[in-house]
Amino acid sequence: MQAHPVPLAFVFRSRAKEEKAPADKAPVTDSKQTRDPQAPKGRPTPKRSEAQTQRRSVANTQLTRKEAAKRQRDERRTQMERQRQALASGDERYLPVRDKGPVRRFARDFVDSRFNIAEWFLPLAVVILVLSMVRVPSLQNIALLLWLFVIILIVVDSIGVAIRLKKQLNARFPDQPKRGAVAYALMRTLQMRRLRLPKPQVKRGERP
């Protein structure tokens, strides 16, 4: 039986071409999905909030201790300035915690809308102190009696303010916490009107 001759080209053909052939014949997929150029390869595109958080964290890690302290001082100074303006204008957003809320605001307005004997305590105390230092027995006796009279008036007036304010708070804010509101108002009565903070927002005689 006669054997067919094998072509020399088949024997000595390059294996490299055969190995490359499957790769060349690999199907090419036409994907219309676009990728964010800033996203790493093989990862989904990050959300905007995540990207902003990452940028902030990188920026914060690059700050030195001195720069971080300076930033904190600037933020604290800005916050104090906003608080100072809020104490003058009554803006609830930036008031201190002890002054926030409708209950505390009503307590301030209730005190500011009326005349309080306690607000004259400091001026009268200075006058009484001066009279007591004069070495005249009659003036010293007058100072002592005046001091007792002022104390009694302040106590009686404060009791009246506390009773009326508590009644008004229970009627207007039945479901809100009112703890400390009466004491807060009584402490405000001891301050002169022009020195009160937050600044009074109602006139005397005006109903809150």
N, C-alpha and C. Protein backbone atom coordinates (compact mmCIF):
# COMPACT_ATOMS: atom_id res chain seq x y z
N MET A 1 0.85 -1.20 0.00
CA MET A 1 0.00 0.00 0.00
C MET A 1 0.87 1.23 0.00
N GLN A 2 0.62 2.13 -0.84
CA GLN A 2 1.51 3.29 -1.01
C GLN A 2 1.16 4.39 -0.04
N ALA A 3 2.15 4.85 0.71
CA ALA A 3 1.96 5.93 1.70
C ALA A 3 1.99 7.28 1.02
N HIS A 4 1.11 8.12 1.44
CA HIS A 4 1.06 9.48 0.86
C HIS A 4 2.13 10.33 1.49
N PRO A 5 2.85 11.02 0.72
CA PRO A 5 3.92 11.86 1.28
C PRO A 5 3.33 13.05 2.06
N VAL A 6 3.96 13.31 3.18
CA VAL A 6 3.53 14.42 4.03
C VAL A 6 4.26 15.69 3.62
N PRO A 7 3.55 16.77 3.36
CA PRO A 7 4.25 18.01 2.94
C PRO A 7 5.15 18.53 4.06
N LEU A 8 6.31 18.99 3.62
CA LEU A 8 7.27 19.53 4.60
C LEU A 8 6.72 20.77 5.29
N ALA A 9 5.86 21.51 4.65
CA ALA A 9 5.32 22.73 5.26
C ALA A 9 4.45 22.41 6.45
N PHE A 10 3.79 21.25 6.37
CA PHE A 10 2.95 20.85 7.50
C PHE A 10 3.78 20.44 8.70
N VAL A 11 4.93 19.83 8.48
CA VAL A 11 5.78 19.36 9.57
C VAL A 11 6.43 20.52 10.29
N PHE A 12 6.93 21.45 9.47
CA PHE A 12 7.70 22.56 10.07
C PHE A 12 6.89 23.85 10.23
N ARG A 13 5.58 23.72 10.27
CA ARG A 13 4.78 24.96 10.42
C ARG A 13 4.96 25.53 11.84
N SER A 14 4.75 26.77 11.98
CA SER A 14 5.00 27.48 13.25
C SER A 14 3.85 27.23 14.22
N ARG A 15 4.26 26.79 15.43
CA ARG A 15 3.26 26.60 16.48
C ARG A 15 2.72 27.94 17.02
N ALA A 16 3.51 28.98 16.86
CA ALA A 16 3.07 30.29 17.36
C ALA A 16 1.82 30.75 16.66
N LYS A 17 1.72 30.46 15.36
CA LYS A 17 0.53 30.88 14.62
C LYS A 17 -0.70 30.12 15.10
N GLU A 18 -0.49 28.79 15.44
CA GLU A 18 -1.61 28.00 15.92
C GLU A 18 -2.08 28.47 17.30
N GLU A 19 -1.12 28.90 18.15
CA GLU A 19 -1.50 29.35 19.48
C GLU A 19 -2.20 30.70 19.44
N LYS A 20 -1.81 31.50 18.45
CA LYS A 20 -2.44 32.81 18.35
C LYS A 20 -3.81 32.76 17.69
N ALA A 21 -4.05 31.70 16.97
CA ALA A 21 -5.29 31.61 16.20
C ALA A 21 -6.53 31.65 17.07
N PRO A 22 -6.62 30.85 18.17
CA PRO A 22 -7.85 30.92 18.98
C PRO A 22 -8.10 32.30 19.57
N ALA A 23 -7.00 32.95 19.92
CA ALA A 23 -7.17 34.29 20.49
C ALA A 23 -7.70 35.26 19.47
N ASP A 24 -7.22 35.09 18.20
CA ASP A 24 -7.69 36.00 17.15
C ASP A 24 -9.14 35.75 16.81
N LYS A 25 -9.57 34.47 17.02
CA LYS A 25 -10.94 34.13 16.67
C LYS A 25 -11.91 34.34 17.82
N ALA A 26 -11.44 34.89 18.95
CA ALA A 26 -12.32 35.12 20.10
C ALA A 26 -13.39 36.12 19.73
N PRO A 27 -14.63 35.87 20.16
CA PRO A 27 -15.73 36.79 19.79
C PRO A 27 -15.54 38.15 20.43
N VAL A 28 -15.79 39.14 19.66
CA VAL A 28 -15.68 40.52 20.10
C VAL A 28 -17.08 41.00 20.47
N THR A 29 -17.22 41.41 21.72
CA THR A 29 -18.52 41.89 22.20
C THR A 29 -18.56 43.40 22.11
N ASP A 30 -19.60 43.87 21.54
CA ASP A 30 -19.79 45.32 21.40
C ASP A 30 -20.61 45.81 22.57
N SER A 31 -19.96 46.29 23.65
CA SER A 31 -20.65 46.75 24.85
C SER A 31 -20.88 48.25 24.76
N LYS A 32 -22.11 48.62 24.98
CA LYS A 32 -22.45 50.03 24.96
C LYS A 32 -22.36 50.67 26.33
N GLN A 33 -22.00 49.89 27.36
CA GLN A 33 -21.90 50.42 28.72
C GLN A 33 -20.67 51.30 28.85
N THR A 34 -20.86 52.51 29.29
CA THR A 34 -19.76 53.46 29.45
C THR A 34 -19.24 53.42 30.86
N ARG A 35 -18.00 53.72 31.05
CA ARG A 35 -17.37 53.71 32.36
C ARG A 35 -16.85 55.10 32.66
N ASP A 36 -17.02 55.49 33.88
CA ASP A 36 -16.51 56.78 34.33
C ASP A 36 -15.01 56.79 34.17
N PRO A 37 -14.45 57.80 33.48
CA PRO A 37 -12.99 57.82 33.31
C PRO A 37 -12.22 57.93 34.61
N GLN A 38 -12.88 58.46 35.67
CA GLN A 38 -12.20 58.60 36.95
C GLN A 38 -12.30 57.35 37.80
N ALA A 39 -13.19 56.41 37.43
CA ALA A 39 -13.36 55.20 38.23
C ALA A 39 -12.24 54.22 37.93
N PRO A 40 -11.73 53.49 38.94
CA PRO A 40 -10.69 52.48 38.70
C PRO A 40 -11.21 51.37 37.82
N LYS A 41 -10.32 50.71 37.07
CA LYS A 41 -10.72 49.63 36.18
C LYS A 41 -11.25 48.47 37.00
N GLY A 42 -12.36 47.90 36.52
CA GLY A 42 -12.93 46.74 37.18
C GLY A 42 -13.80 47.07 38.36
N ARG A 43 -14.04 48.36 38.65
CA ARG A 43 -14.87 48.78 39.78
C ARG A 43 -16.01 49.66 39.27
N PRO A 44 -17.18 49.59 39.95
CA PRO A 44 -18.30 50.44 39.51
C PRO A 44 -18.03 51.90 39.81
N THR A 45 -18.71 52.75 39.08
CA THR A 45 -18.56 54.19 39.28
C THR A 45 -19.08 54.59 40.65
N PRO A 46 -18.28 55.27 41.49
CA PRO A 46 -18.76 55.64 42.83
C PRO A 46 -19.84 56.71 42.75
N LYS A 47 -20.71 56.70 43.78
CA LYS A 47 -21.73 57.72 43.87
C LYS A 47 -21.10 59.08 44.21
N ARG A 48 -21.87 60.14 43.96
CA ARG A 48 -21.33 61.48 44.20
C ARG A 48 -21.03 61.70 45.68
N SER A 49 -21.94 61.22 46.57
CA SER A 49 -21.72 61.39 48.01
C SER A 49 -20.48 60.64 48.47
N GLU A 50 -20.29 59.41 47.93
CA GLU A 50 -19.10 58.64 48.31
C GLU A 50 -17.84 59.31 47.81
N ALA A 51 -17.91 59.87 46.60
CA ALA A 51 -16.72 60.54 46.06
C ALA A 51 -16.37 61.77 46.87
N GLN A 52 -17.40 62.55 47.29
CA GLN A 52 -17.13 63.73 48.11
C GLN A 52 -16.55 63.34 49.46
N THR A 53 -17.07 62.25 50.05
CA THR A 53 -16.54 61.79 51.33
C THR A 53 -15.09 61.37 51.20
N GLN A 54 -14.77 60.68 50.10
CA GLN A 54 -13.39 60.26 49.89
C GLN A 54 -12.47 61.46 49.72
N ARG A 55 -12.95 62.48 48.98
CA ARG A 55 -12.12 63.67 48.79
C ARG A 55 -11.89 64.40 50.10
N ARG A 56 -12.95 64.47 50.94
CA ARG A 56 -12.78 65.13 52.23
C ARG A 56 -11.79 64.38 53.11
N SER A 57 -11.89 63.04 53.11
CA SER A 57 -10.98 62.26 53.95
C SER A 57 -9.55 62.42 53.49
N VAL A 58 -9.36 62.48 52.17
CA VAL A 58 -8.00 62.68 51.66
C VAL A 58 -7.49 64.06 52.04
N ALA A 59 -8.38 65.08 51.93
CA ALA A 59 -7.97 66.44 52.29
C ALA A 59 -7.66 66.56 53.77
N ASN A 60 -8.45 65.86 54.60
CA ASN A 60 -8.21 65.93 56.04
C ASN A 60 -6.91 65.25 56.43
N THR A 61 -6.59 64.14 55.75
CA THR A 61 -5.36 63.44 56.08
C THR A 61 -4.13 64.25 55.65
N GLN A 62 -4.32 65.15 54.68
CA GLN A 62 -3.19 65.93 54.21
C GLN A 62 -2.93 67.15 55.08
N LEU A 63 -3.87 67.48 56.00
CA LEU A 63 -3.69 68.64 56.87
C LEU A 63 -2.68 68.33 57.96
N THR A 64 -1.86 69.29 58.25
CA THR A 64 -0.94 69.14 59.38
C THR A 64 -1.67 69.47 60.68
N ARG A 65 -1.02 69.19 61.79
CA ARG A 65 -1.64 69.47 63.08
C ARG A 65 -1.90 70.96 63.27
N LYS A 66 -0.97 71.77 62.81
CA LYS A 66 -1.13 73.22 62.94
C LYS A 66 -2.30 73.72 62.09
N GLU A 67 -2.42 73.20 60.86
CA GLU A 67 -3.52 73.60 60.00
C GLU A 67 -4.87 73.14 60.54
N ALA A 68 -4.92 71.92 61.11
CA ALA A 68 -6.16 71.42 61.69
C ALA A 68 -6.59 72.27 62.88
N ALA A 69 -5.62 72.67 63.72
CA ALA A 69 -5.94 73.52 64.87
C ALA A 69 -6.44 74.89 64.41
N LYS A 70 -5.84 75.43 63.36
CA LYS A 70 -6.27 76.72 62.83
C LYS A 70 -7.69 76.63 62.27
N ARG A 71 -7.99 75.53 61.59
CA ARG A 71 -9.34 75.35 61.06
C ARG A 71 -10.37 75.25 62.18
N GLN A 72 -10.03 74.53 63.25
CA GLN A 72 -10.94 74.42 64.39
C GLN A 72 -11.18 75.78 65.05
N ARG A 73 -10.11 76.59 65.16
CA ARG A 73 -10.27 77.92 65.74
C ARG A 73 -11.17 78.79 64.87
N ASP A 74 -11.00 78.69 63.55
CA ASP A 74 -11.84 79.48 62.64
C ASP A 74 -13.31 79.06 62.74
N GLU A 75 -13.55 77.74 62.81
CA GLU A 75 -14.92 77.26 62.93
C GLU A 75 -15.54 77.69 64.25
N ARG A 76 -14.74 77.64 65.34
CA ARG A 76 -15.25 78.06 66.64
C ARG A 76 -15.55 79.55 66.65
N ARG A 77 -14.68 80.34 66.01
CA ARG A 77 -14.90 81.79 65.94
C ARG A 77 -16.16 82.11 65.13
N THR A 78 -16.38 81.38 64.04
CA THR A 78 -17.59 81.58 63.24
C THR A 78 -18.84 81.22 64.02
N GLN A 79 -18.77 80.12 64.76
CA GLN A 79 -19.91 79.70 65.56
C GLN A 79 -20.23 80.72 66.66
N MET A 80 -19.19 81.25 67.31
CA MET A 80 -19.41 82.25 68.36
C MET A 80 -20.00 83.53 67.78
N GLU A 81 -19.58 83.92 66.58
CA GLU A 81 -20.12 85.12 65.95
C GLU A 81 -21.60 84.92 65.61
N ARG A 82 -21.94 83.75 65.09
CA ARG A 82 -23.35 83.46 64.81
C ARG A 82 -24.18 83.46 66.09
N GLN A 83 -23.62 82.92 67.16
CA GLN A 83 -24.33 82.89 68.43
C GLN A 83 -24.53 84.29 68.97
N ARG A 84 -23.51 85.14 68.83
CA ARG A 84 -23.63 86.52 69.31
C ARG A 84 -24.72 87.26 68.55
N GLN A 85 -24.77 87.08 67.24
CA GLN A 85 -25.81 87.72 66.45
C GLN A 85 -27.19 87.17 66.79
N ALA A 86 -27.26 85.87 67.08
CA ALA A 86 -28.54 85.27 67.45
C ALA A 86 -29.03 85.79 68.80
N LEU A 87 -28.13 86.03 69.74
CA LEU A 87 -28.52 86.58 71.03
C LEU A 87 -29.07 88.00 70.89
N ALA A 88 -28.60 88.70 69.87
CA ALA A 88 -29.10 90.06 69.65
C ALA A 88 -30.40 90.08 68.86
N SER A 89 -30.57 89.11 67.95
CA SER A 89 -31.76 89.11 67.08
C SER A 89 -32.81 88.10 67.49
N GLY A 90 -32.45 87.13 68.34
CA GLY A 90 -33.41 86.11 68.75
C GLY A 90 -33.55 84.98 67.75
N ASP A 91 -32.59 84.83 66.84
CA ASP A 91 -32.64 83.76 65.85
C ASP A 91 -32.48 82.41 66.55
N GLU A 92 -33.51 81.55 66.45
CA GLU A 92 -33.53 80.29 67.17
C GLU A 92 -32.47 79.31 66.67
N ARG A 93 -32.02 79.44 65.42
CA ARG A 93 -31.10 78.45 64.85
C ARG A 93 -29.75 78.43 65.55
N TYR A 94 -29.27 79.57 66.00
CA TYR A 94 -27.92 79.65 66.55
C TYR A 94 -27.89 80.02 68.02
N LEU A 95 -29.02 79.98 68.70
CA LEU A 95 -29.04 80.28 70.12
C LEU A 95 -28.39 79.15 70.92
N PRO A 96 -27.85 79.45 72.09
CA PRO A 96 -27.37 78.36 72.96
C PRO A 96 -28.49 77.41 73.33
N VAL A 97 -28.12 76.22 73.77
CA VAL A 97 -29.11 75.18 74.05
C VAL A 97 -30.07 75.63 75.15
N ARG A 98 -29.56 76.34 76.15
CA ARG A 98 -30.42 76.74 77.28
C ARG A 98 -31.47 77.76 76.86
N ASP A 99 -31.30 78.44 75.73
CA ASP A 99 -32.25 79.46 75.29
C ASP A 99 -33.15 79.00 74.15
N LYS A 100 -32.97 77.77 73.67
CA LYS A 100 -33.72 77.31 72.52
C LYS A 100 -35.09 76.78 72.92
N GLY A 101 -36.01 76.81 71.95
CA GLY A 101 -37.31 76.21 72.15
C GLY A 101 -38.41 77.22 72.40
N PRO A 102 -39.64 76.87 72.04
CA PRO A 102 -40.76 77.81 72.24
C PRO A 102 -41.08 78.06 73.71
N VAL A 103 -40.81 77.08 74.58
CA VAL A 103 -41.09 77.27 76.01
C VAL A 103 -40.18 78.35 76.59
N ARG A 104 -38.87 78.25 76.30
CA ARG A 104 -37.94 79.25 76.82
C ARG A 104 -38.21 80.63 76.19
N ARG A 105 -38.59 80.64 74.93
CA ARG A 105 -38.90 81.93 74.29
C ARG A 105 -40.11 82.59 74.95
N PHE A 106 -41.14 81.82 75.25
CA PHE A 106 -42.31 82.39 75.91
C PHE A 106 -41.96 82.88 77.32
N ALA A 107 -41.10 82.13 78.02
CA ALA A 107 -40.68 82.56 79.36
C ALA A 107 -39.94 83.90 79.28
N ARG A 108 -39.09 84.07 78.28
CA ARG A 108 -38.39 85.36 78.12
C ARG A 108 -39.37 86.48 77.82
N ASP A 109 -40.30 86.22 76.89
CA ASP A 109 -41.27 87.25 76.53
C ASP A 109 -42.17 87.60 77.71
N PHE A 110 -42.52 86.61 78.52
CA PHE A 110 -43.37 86.86 79.68
C PHE A 110 -42.67 87.80 80.67
N VAL A 111 -41.38 87.59 80.87
CA VAL A 111 -40.62 88.44 81.79
C VAL A 111 -40.40 89.83 81.19
N ASP A 112 -40.09 89.89 79.90
CA ASP A 112 -39.76 91.16 79.27
C ASP A 112 -40.98 92.05 79.07
N SER A 113 -42.17 91.47 79.10
CA SER A 113 -43.38 92.26 78.84
C SER A 113 -43.91 92.97 80.08
N ARG A 114 -43.29 92.76 81.23
CA ARG A 114 -43.79 93.37 82.46
C ARG A 114 -42.65 94.01 83.24
N PHE A 115 -43.02 94.83 84.20
CA PHE A 115 -42.04 95.45 85.09
C PHE A 115 -41.76 94.49 86.25
N ASN A 116 -40.48 94.25 86.52
CA ASN A 116 -40.08 93.34 87.58
C ASN A 116 -39.23 94.09 88.60
N ILE A 117 -39.59 93.94 89.86
CA ILE A 117 -38.83 94.61 90.92
C ILE A 117 -37.42 94.06 91.00
N ALA A 118 -37.25 92.79 90.69
CA ALA A 118 -35.93 92.16 90.82
C ALA A 118 -34.90 92.75 89.87
N GLU A 119 -35.33 93.35 88.76
CA GLU A 119 -34.36 93.90 87.82
C GLU A 119 -33.66 95.13 88.38
N TRP A 120 -34.19 95.73 89.45
CA TRP A 120 -33.54 96.86 90.10
C TRP A 120 -32.73 96.43 91.31
N PHE A 121 -32.53 95.13 91.44
CA PHE A 121 -31.81 94.63 92.61
C PHE A 121 -30.36 95.13 92.65
N LEU A 122 -29.64 95.05 91.54
CA LEU A 122 -28.24 95.47 91.53
C LEU A 122 -28.07 96.96 91.80
N PRO A 123 -28.82 97.85 91.12
CA PRO A 123 -28.67 99.28 91.45
C PRO A 123 -29.00 99.59 92.90
N LEU A 124 -30.10 99.00 93.43
CA LEU A 124 -30.47 99.24 94.82
C LEU A 124 -29.43 98.67 95.78
N ALA A 125 -28.82 97.54 95.41
CA ALA A 125 -27.79 96.95 96.28
C ALA A 125 -26.59 97.88 96.38
N VAL A 126 -26.23 98.54 95.27
CA VAL A 126 -25.10 99.47 95.30
C VAL A 126 -25.43 100.67 96.21
N VAL A 127 -26.65 101.21 96.10
CA VAL A 127 -27.06 102.35 96.94
C VAL A 127 -27.05 101.96 98.41
N ILE A 128 -27.59 100.78 98.72
CA ILE A 128 -27.64 100.34 100.11
C ILE A 128 -26.24 100.11 100.66
N LEU A 129 -25.35 99.59 99.82
CA LEU A 129 -23.97 99.37 100.26
C LEU A 129 -23.28 100.69 100.59
N VAL A 130 -23.50 101.70 99.75
CA VAL A 130 -22.90 103.01 100.00
C VAL A 130 -23.45 103.61 101.31
N LEU A 131 -24.76 103.52 101.52
CA LEU A 131 -25.35 104.06 102.75
C LEU A 131 -24.84 103.33 103.99
N SER A 132 -24.62 102.05 103.88
CA SER A 132 -24.15 101.28 105.03
C SER A 132 -22.70 101.59 105.38
N MET A 133 -21.92 102.10 104.42
CA MET A 133 -20.52 102.43 104.68
C MET A 133 -20.37 103.81 105.33
N VAL A 134 -21.40 104.63 105.25
CA VAL A 134 -21.33 105.96 105.88
C VAL A 134 -21.45 105.77 107.40
N ARG A 135 -20.53 106.39 108.14
CA ARG A 135 -20.52 106.21 109.59
C ARG A 135 -21.49 107.16 110.29
N VAL A 136 -22.74 107.01 109.89
CA VAL A 136 -23.82 107.76 110.52
C VAL A 136 -24.86 106.73 110.93
N PRO A 137 -25.12 106.58 112.21
CA PRO A 137 -26.04 105.52 112.66
C PRO A 137 -27.41 105.60 112.01
N SER A 138 -27.93 106.79 111.82
CA SER A 138 -29.27 106.91 111.22
C SER A 138 -29.29 106.39 109.77
N LEU A 139 -28.25 106.74 109.00
CA LEU A 139 -28.17 106.27 107.61
C LEU A 139 -27.96 104.76 107.54
N GLN A 140 -27.19 104.23 108.47
CA GLN A 140 -26.99 102.78 108.49
C GLN A 140 -28.28 102.05 108.82
N ASN A 141 -29.07 102.61 109.70
CA ASN A 141 -30.36 102.00 110.02
C ASN A 141 -31.32 102.06 108.82
N ILE A 142 -31.29 103.19 108.12
CA ILE A 142 -32.12 103.32 106.91
C ILE A 142 -31.69 102.29 105.86
N ALA A 143 -30.38 102.11 105.71
CA ALA A 143 -29.87 101.15 104.73
C ALA A 143 -30.32 99.73 105.08
N LEU A 144 -30.28 99.39 106.35
CA LEU A 144 -30.70 98.05 106.77
C LEU A 144 -32.18 97.82 106.52
N LEU A 145 -33.01 98.84 106.89
CA LEU A 145 -34.45 98.71 106.65
C LEU A 145 -34.77 98.66 105.15
N LEU A 146 -34.06 99.49 104.37
CA LEU A 146 -34.27 99.48 102.92
C LEU A 146 -33.90 98.13 102.31
N TRP A 147 -32.79 97.56 102.82
CA TRP A 147 -32.36 96.26 102.33
C TRP A 147 -33.42 95.19 102.60
N LEU A 148 -33.97 95.15 103.80
CA LEU A 148 -35.01 94.18 104.15
C LEU A 148 -36.27 94.40 103.31
N PHE A 149 -36.61 95.66 103.08
CA PHE A 149 -37.80 95.98 102.29
C PHE A 149 -37.64 95.50 100.84
N VAL A 150 -36.47 95.73 100.27
CA VAL A 150 -36.22 95.30 98.89
C VAL A 150 -36.26 93.79 98.77
N ILE A 151 -35.67 93.08 99.72
CA ILE A 151 -35.66 91.62 99.68
C ILE A 151 -37.09 91.07 99.73
N ILE A 152 -37.90 91.64 100.63
CA ILE A 152 -39.29 91.17 100.75
C ILE A 152 -40.07 91.42 99.45
N LEU A 153 -39.89 92.59 98.86
CA LEU A 153 -40.58 92.90 97.61
C LEU A 153 -40.17 91.95 96.48
N ILE A 154 -38.87 91.68 96.40
CA ILE A 154 -38.39 90.78 95.34
C ILE A 154 -38.94 89.37 95.53
N VAL A 155 -38.97 88.88 96.75
CA VAL A 155 -39.49 87.53 97.02
C VAL A 155 -40.97 87.46 96.65
N VAL A 156 -41.75 88.44 97.08
CA VAL A 156 -43.19 88.43 96.79
C VAL A 156 -43.43 88.52 95.29
N ASP A 157 -42.71 89.41 94.60
CA ASP A 157 -42.88 89.57 93.15
C ASP A 157 -42.45 88.31 92.41
N SER A 158 -41.38 87.67 92.84
CA SER A 158 -40.90 86.45 92.17
C SER A 158 -41.90 85.32 92.33
N ILE A 159 -42.52 85.21 93.51
CA ILE A 159 -43.54 84.17 93.72
C ILE A 159 -44.73 84.40 92.79
N GLY A 160 -45.14 85.65 92.63
CA GLY A 160 -46.23 85.95 91.71
C GLY A 160 -45.88 85.63 90.28
N VAL A 161 -44.66 85.98 89.86
CA VAL A 161 -44.21 85.67 88.49
C VAL A 161 -44.19 84.17 88.26
N ALA A 162 -43.68 83.41 89.23
CA ALA A 162 -43.58 81.96 89.08
C ALA A 162 -44.96 81.32 88.94
N ILE A 163 -45.92 81.76 89.75
CA ILE A 163 -47.27 81.17 89.70
C ILE A 163 -47.95 81.48 88.37
N ARG A 164 -47.90 82.75 87.94
CA ARG A 164 -48.56 83.12 86.69
C ARG A 164 -47.88 82.47 85.48
N LEU A 165 -46.55 82.44 85.48
CA LEU A 165 -45.85 81.84 84.35
C LEU A 165 -46.12 80.34 84.26
N LYS A 166 -46.11 79.66 85.37
CA LYS A 166 -46.38 78.21 85.36
C LYS A 166 -47.77 77.92 84.83
N LYS A 167 -48.73 78.74 85.20
CA LYS A 167 -50.10 78.56 84.70
C LYS A 167 -50.17 78.78 83.20
N GLN A 168 -49.49 79.82 82.70
CA GLN A 168 -49.49 80.10 81.26
C GLN A 168 -48.78 78.99 80.48
N LEU A 169 -47.69 78.48 81.00
CA LEU A 169 -46.97 77.41 80.31
C LEU A 169 -47.81 76.14 80.23
N ASN A 170 -48.49 75.79 81.30
CA ASN A 170 -49.33 74.59 81.28
C ASN A 170 -50.49 74.73 80.30
N ALA A 171 -50.97 75.95 80.12
CA ALA A 171 -52.09 76.16 79.20
C ALA A 171 -51.63 76.19 77.74
N ARG A 172 -50.46 76.77 77.48
CA ARG A 172 -50.00 76.93 76.10
C ARG A 172 -49.19 75.74 75.60
N PHE A 173 -48.44 75.11 76.47
CA PHE A 173 -47.57 74.00 76.06
C PHE A 173 -47.85 72.77 76.93
N PRO A 174 -49.02 72.18 76.79
CA PRO A 174 -49.35 71.05 77.68
C PRO A 174 -48.51 69.80 77.42
N ASP A 175 -48.05 69.61 76.18
CA ASP A 175 -47.35 68.37 75.82
C ASP A 175 -45.84 68.54 75.70
N GLN A 176 -45.31 69.70 75.99
CA GLN A 176 -43.88 69.94 75.84
C GLN A 176 -43.21 69.99 77.22
N PRO A 177 -41.95 69.55 77.29
CA PRO A 177 -41.25 69.60 78.58
C PRO A 177 -41.01 71.03 79.03
N LYS A 178 -41.32 71.29 80.29
CA LYS A 178 -41.20 72.65 80.83
C LYS A 178 -40.26 72.71 82.02
N ARG A 179 -39.45 71.70 82.18
CA ARG A 179 -38.56 71.64 83.33
C ARG A 179 -37.51 72.76 83.26
N GLY A 180 -37.39 73.51 84.33
CA GLY A 180 -36.39 74.58 84.41
C GLY A 180 -36.82 75.89 83.79
N ALA A 181 -38.00 75.94 83.18
CA ALA A 181 -38.43 77.18 82.51
C ALA A 181 -38.73 78.29 83.52
N VAL A 182 -39.34 77.95 84.64
CA VAL A 182 -39.67 78.96 85.65
C VAL A 182 -38.41 79.53 86.28
N ALA A 183 -37.48 78.65 86.64
CA ALA A 183 -36.20 79.13 87.19
C ALA A 183 -35.44 79.97 86.17
N TYR A 184 -35.51 79.59 84.90
CA TYR A 184 -34.89 80.36 83.82
C TYR A 184 -35.48 81.77 83.76
N ALA A 185 -36.79 81.88 83.90
CA ALA A 185 -37.44 83.19 83.86
C ALA A 185 -37.09 84.03 85.08
N LEU A 186 -37.03 83.41 86.26
CA LEU A 186 -36.71 84.16 87.48
C LEU A 186 -35.28 84.68 87.44
N MET A 187 -34.37 83.91 86.88
CA MET A 187 -32.99 84.41 86.73
C MET A 187 -32.94 85.60 85.77
N ARG A 188 -33.83 85.60 84.80
CA ARG A 188 -33.86 86.72 83.85
C ARG A 188 -34.40 87.98 84.51
N THR A 189 -35.30 87.85 85.48
CA THR A 189 -35.83 89.02 86.16
C THR A 189 -34.76 89.76 86.97
N LEU A 190 -33.71 89.05 87.35
CA LEU A 190 -32.63 89.68 88.13
C LEU A 190 -31.71 90.54 87.26
N GLN A 191 -31.85 90.46 85.94
CA GLN A 191 -31.00 91.23 85.04
C GLN A 191 -31.73 92.49 84.60
N MET A 192 -31.00 93.57 84.46
CA MET A 192 -31.60 94.78 83.94
C MET A 192 -32.00 94.56 82.48
N ARG A 193 -33.07 95.19 82.07
CA ARG A 193 -33.65 94.91 80.76
C ARG A 193 -32.65 95.10 79.63
N ARG A 194 -31.87 96.15 79.66
CA ARG A 194 -30.94 96.44 78.57
C ARG A 194 -29.75 95.48 78.54
N LEU A 195 -29.54 94.77 79.63
CA LEU A 195 -28.41 93.84 79.71
C LEU A 195 -28.80 92.39 79.49
N ARG A 196 -30.07 92.14 79.23
CA ARG A 196 -30.53 90.76 79.08
C ARG A 196 -30.11 90.17 77.74
N LEU A 197 -29.75 88.90 77.79
CA LEU A 197 -29.42 88.13 76.59
C LEU A 197 -30.15 86.80 76.66
N PRO A 198 -30.82 86.43 75.56
CA PRO A 198 -31.08 87.17 74.32
C PRO A 198 -31.83 88.47 74.56
N LYS A 199 -31.66 89.40 73.63
CA LYS A 199 -32.27 90.71 73.77
C LYS A 199 -33.80 90.59 73.79
N PRO A 200 -34.47 91.44 74.58
CA PRO A 200 -35.94 91.40 74.62
C PRO A 200 -36.54 91.64 73.23
N GLN A 201 -37.54 90.84 72.89
CA GLN A 201 -38.21 90.94 71.60
C GLN A 201 -39.61 91.54 71.71
N VAL A 202 -40.05 91.85 72.94
CA VAL A 202 -41.38 92.46 73.15
C VAL A 202 -41.21 93.70 74.01
N LYS A 203 -42.14 94.60 73.92
CA LYS A 203 -42.13 95.83 74.71
C LYS A 203 -42.87 95.61 76.03
N ARG A 204 -42.63 96.51 76.97
CA ARG A 204 -43.36 96.43 78.24
C ARG A 204 -44.85 96.65 77.99
N GLY A 205 -45.66 95.83 78.62
CA GLY A 205 -47.09 95.92 78.43
C GLY A 205 -47.62 95.13 77.24
N GLU A 206 -46.74 94.67 76.38
CA GLU A 206 -47.17 93.87 75.22
C GLU A 206 -47.34 92.41 75.62
N ARG A 207 -48.46 91.83 75.26
CA ARG A 207 -48.73 90.45 75.64
C ARG A 207 -47.88 89.49 74.80
N PRO A 208 -47.21 88.53 75.42
CA PRO A 208 -46.37 87.59 74.64
C PRO A 208 -47.22 86.61 73.84
